[in-house]
Protein backbone atom coordinates (compact mmCIF):
# COMPACT_ATOMS: atom_id res chain seq x y z
CA UNK A 1 -46.06 -18.32 7.97
CA UNK A 2 -45.87 -16.04 4.94
CA UNK A 3 -43.67 -17.53 2.18
CA UNK A 4 -43.36 -14.22 0.32
CA UNK A 5 -40.75 -11.78 1.55
CA UNK A 6 -40.79 -8.06 0.96
CA UNK A 7 -38.33 -8.42 -1.95
CA UNK A 8 -40.48 -11.06 -3.76
CA UNK A 9 -43.67 -9.03 -3.35
CA UNK A 10 -41.91 -5.92 -4.69
CA UNK A 11 -40.59 -7.91 -7.67
CA UNK A 12 -44.08 -9.24 -8.50
CA UNK A 13 -45.62 -5.76 -8.32
CA UNK A 14 -42.82 -4.32 -10.48
CA UNK A 15 -43.39 -7.07 -13.07
CA UNK A 16 -47.15 -6.33 -13.15
CA UNK A 17 -46.57 -2.60 -13.60
CA UNK A 18 -44.05 -3.27 -16.38
CA UNK A 19 -46.57 -5.53 -18.13
CA UNK A 20 -49.23 -2.82 -17.87
CA UNK A 21 -46.80 -0.37 -19.49
CA UNK A 22 -46.07 -2.78 -22.35
CA UNK A 23 -49.71 -3.30 -23.19
CA UNK A 24 -50.81 0.34 -22.83
CA UNK A 25 -51.98 1.90 -26.07
CA UNK A 26 -51.85 5.41 -27.45
CA UNK A 27 -55.05 5.36 -29.53
CA UNK A 28 -57.78 7.93 -29.08
CA UNK A 29 -61.26 6.97 -27.92
CA UNK A 30 -63.45 5.83 -30.76
CA UNK A 31 -66.97 4.55 -31.14
CA UNK A 32 -68.94 2.86 -33.85
CA UNK A 33 -72.68 2.69 -34.35
CA UNK A 34 -74.48 0.48 -36.85
CA UNK A 35 -77.42 2.71 -37.70
CA UNK A 36 -80.95 1.44 -38.21
CA UNK A 37 -80.41 1.18 -41.96
CA UNK A 38 -77.20 -0.86 -41.76
CA UNK A 39 -76.80 -2.87 -38.54
CA UNK A 40 -73.80 -5.19 -38.38
CA UNK A 41 -74.46 -8.72 -39.63
CA UNK A 42 -71.91 -10.44 -37.38
CA UNK A 43 -70.43 -9.81 -33.99
CA UNK A 44 -67.12 -7.93 -34.15
CA UNK A 45 -64.04 -9.71 -32.83
CA UNK A 46 -63.18 -9.22 -29.17
CA UNK A 47 -59.65 -8.01 -28.46
CA UNK A 48 -57.56 -10.89 -27.09
CA UNK A 49 -54.35 -10.69 -25.07
CA UNK A 50 -51.61 -13.22 -24.44
CA UNK A 51 -52.26 -14.32 -20.88
CA UNK A 52 -49.70 -13.47 -18.22
CA UNK A 53 -49.56 -15.86 -15.27
CA UNK A 54 -50.02 -13.76 -12.13
CA UNK A 55 -48.75 -15.49 -8.98
CA UNK A 56 -50.70 -15.94 -5.79
CA UNK A 57 -51.73 -14.05 -3.72
CA UNK A 58 -51.63 -11.09 -6.14
CA UNK A 59 -54.02 -12.87 -8.54
CA UNK A 60 -56.75 -12.74 -5.87
CA UNK A 61 -56.87 -8.94 -6.25
CA UNK A 62 -57.55 -9.04 -10.01
CA UNK A 63 -61.10 -8.87 -11.42
CA UNK A 64 -62.99 -12.17 -11.28
CA UNK A 65 -66.37 -10.74 -12.37
CA UNK A 66 -67.92 -7.56 -13.73
CA UNK A 67 -71.39 -6.13 -13.32
CA UNK A 68 -73.35 -3.45 -15.19
CA UNK A 69 -74.61 -1.39 -12.27
CA UNK A 70 -78.31 -0.40 -12.03
CA UNK A 71 -77.20 3.27 -12.14
CA UNK A 72 -76.68 2.71 -15.90
CA UNK A 73 -79.20 4.95 -17.68
CA UNK A 74 -80.04 6.26 -21.12
CA UNK A 75 -79.68 9.96 -21.69
CA UNK A 76 -80.55 12.71 -24.12
CA UNK A 77 -77.53 14.78 -25.17
CA UNK A 78 -79.57 17.33 -27.16
CA UNK A 79 -83.05 18.16 -25.86
CA UNK A 80 -84.10 19.78 -29.17
CA UNK A 81 -83.35 16.68 -31.27
CA UNK A 82 -85.81 14.49 -29.35
CA UNK A 83 -85.26 10.86 -28.51
CA UNK A 84 -82.55 9.13 -26.55
CA UNK A 85 -79.01 9.79 -27.79
CA UNK A 86 -76.80 7.59 -25.58
CA UNK A 87 -76.14 5.53 -22.47
CA UNK A 88 -74.26 6.40 -19.28
CA UNK A 89 -72.81 3.01 -18.35
CA UNK A 90 -71.57 2.18 -14.85
CA UNK A 91 -69.45 -0.99 -14.56
CA UNK A 92 -68.19 -2.62 -11.39
CA UNK A 93 -65.26 -5.05 -11.27
CA UNK A 94 -65.00 -7.49 -8.34
CA UNK A 95 -61.98 -9.44 -7.11
CA UNK A 96 -61.93 -12.93 -5.53
CA UNK A 97 -63.18 -11.45 -2.23
CA UNK A 98 -66.13 -9.79 -4.07
CA UNK A 99 -64.67 -6.36 -3.34
CA UNK A 100 -64.57 -3.52 -5.87
CA UNK A 101 -61.25 -3.48 -7.72
CA UNK A 102 -59.55 -1.76 -10.64
CA UNK A 103 -59.71 -3.47 -14.03
CA UNK A 104 -56.61 -3.13 -16.23
CA UNK A 105 -57.55 -4.18 -19.76
CA UNK A 106 -60.02 -3.34 -22.53
CA UNK A 107 -63.74 -2.65 -22.25
CA UNK A 108 -66.13 -3.11 -25.14
CA UNK A 109 -69.88 -2.53 -25.11
CA UNK A 110 -72.50 -4.03 -27.40
CA UNK A 111 -76.16 -3.06 -27.57
CA UNK A 112 -78.88 -5.35 -28.91
CA UNK A 113 -82.60 -5.06 -29.46
CA UNK A 114 -84.59 -6.97 -26.85
CA UNK A 115 -86.46 -10.18 -27.71
CA UNK A 116 -89.32 -10.59 -25.25
CA UNK A 117 -90.60 -14.08 -24.35
CA UNK A 118 -87.32 -15.66 -25.42
CA UNK A 119 -84.66 -17.51 -23.42
CA UNK A 120 -82.01 -15.44 -25.22
CA UNK A 121 -83.03 -11.78 -24.76
CA UNK A 122 -80.44 -10.45 -27.24
CA UNK A 123 -81.91 -9.68 -30.64
CA UNK A 124 -80.29 -7.70 -33.44
CA UNK A 125 -76.87 -6.14 -32.77
CA UNK A 126 -77.34 -2.35 -33.01
CA UNK A 127 -74.06 -0.86 -31.83
CA UNK A 128 -70.56 -1.53 -30.57
CA UNK A 129 -68.27 0.80 -28.62
CA UNK A 130 -64.57 0.06 -28.05
CA UNK A 131 -62.97 2.13 -25.30
CA UNK A 132 -59.59 3.28 -26.61
CA UNK A 133 -56.93 3.56 -25.46
CA UNK A 134 -57.37 0.54 -23.25
CA UNK A 135 -57.53 0.85 -19.50
CA UNK A 136 -54.11 -0.83 -19.25
CA UNK A 137 -52.78 2.73 -19.27
CA UNK A 138 -52.95 4.02 -15.67
CA UNK A 139 -53.92 7.56 -16.75
CA UNK A 140 -56.79 6.26 -18.92
CA UNK A 141 -57.89 3.93 -16.13
CA UNK A 142 -58.22 6.87 -13.74
CA UNK A 143 -60.06 8.89 -16.40
CA UNK A 144 -63.04 6.50 -16.25
CA UNK A 145 -62.81 5.54 -12.56
CA UNK A 146 -65.36 7.05 -10.14
CA UNK A 147 -63.50 7.01 -6.85
CA UNK A 148 -66.52 7.66 -4.60
CA UNK A 149 -68.69 4.95 -6.19
CA UNK A 150 -65.79 2.51 -6.79
CA UNK A 151 -66.81 1.79 -10.39
CA UNK A 152 -66.11 2.84 -13.96
CA UNK A 153 -68.24 5.34 -15.91
CA UNK A 154 -68.50 5.38 -19.70
CA UNK A 155 -70.61 7.70 -21.87
CA UNK A 156 -71.70 5.93 -25.07
CA UNK A 157 -73.33 8.09 -27.73
CA UNK A 158 -75.69 7.01 -30.53
CA UNK A 159 -75.65 8.73 -33.91
CA UNK A 160 -79.39 8.19 -34.39
CA UNK A 161 -81.86 9.00 -31.57
CA UNK A 162 -84.26 6.27 -30.47
CA UNK A 163 -87.74 6.75 -29.02
CA UNK A 164 -88.38 6.49 -25.30
CA UNK A 165 -89.75 3.16 -24.09
CA UNK A 166 -87.74 0.74 -26.28
CA UNK A 167 -86.09 -2.21 -24.52
CA UNK A 168 -82.45 -3.06 -25.19
CA UNK A 169 -79.82 -5.48 -23.95
CA UNK A 170 -76.46 -3.96 -23.02
CA UNK A 171 -73.44 -6.30 -22.91
CA UNK A 172 -70.07 -5.39 -21.38
CA UNK A 173 -66.99 -7.41 -22.37
CA UNK A 174 -63.71 -7.03 -20.45
CA UNK A 175 -60.45 -8.55 -21.72
CA UNK A 176 -57.08 -8.37 -20.02
CA UNK A 177 -53.69 -10.07 -20.14
CA UNK A 178 -54.08 -10.78 -16.41
CA UNK A 179 -57.52 -12.45 -16.28
CA UNK A 180 -59.91 -14.48 -18.35
CA UNK A 181 -62.48 -12.62 -20.47
CA UNK A 182 -65.38 -11.37 -18.35
CA UNK A 183 -68.88 -10.44 -19.53
CA UNK A 184 -72.03 -8.97 -18.05
CA UNK A 185 -75.39 -7.98 -19.51
CA UNK A 186 -78.39 -5.92 -18.43
CA UNK A 187 -81.80 -5.32 -19.99
CA UNK A 188 -82.95 -1.71 -19.82
CA UNK A 189 -85.64 0.54 -21.28
CA UNK A 190 -84.70 3.76 -23.06
CA UNK A 191 -85.76 6.84 -21.15
CA UNK A 192 -85.74 5.12 -17.74
């Protein structure tokens, strides 16, 4: 027998929506790129939230894992400039039932050079993109959500073009007040 009544379920959902409103930001989207001449020497800090305890069964619908989808590709924004100028990233979030779900929180992307023949494929940190405002804001969340593919789409641009055929490691980091930090990584080759 269900122990949650209609009133309790409504109260839980109202509390979650209020929490989302509290944590929503008003910043504009920004990006940072450590160019070839001055790559960052340390990893930037990941945004942390004070965790909110989400009761069962609602917590089963929150993201439990993320995945950088194989549809993620590099792209050239300006054909005359030559070289690859950015990455179209596709990220999936999965709940406890391994179904696609919305992810209310902050996404950050890091790109590293690839170390072949190494247990740790990540080499030198080359760029970091923070998606701002965070996806705690419902309007911003919908801005990046692809309804037909049930995943998020982000366009990350490099300041300096890179030649086709270079391998990189892309890391996605998701933080939220409702879940633990989630990460995913994918090795890809520029121009493919």
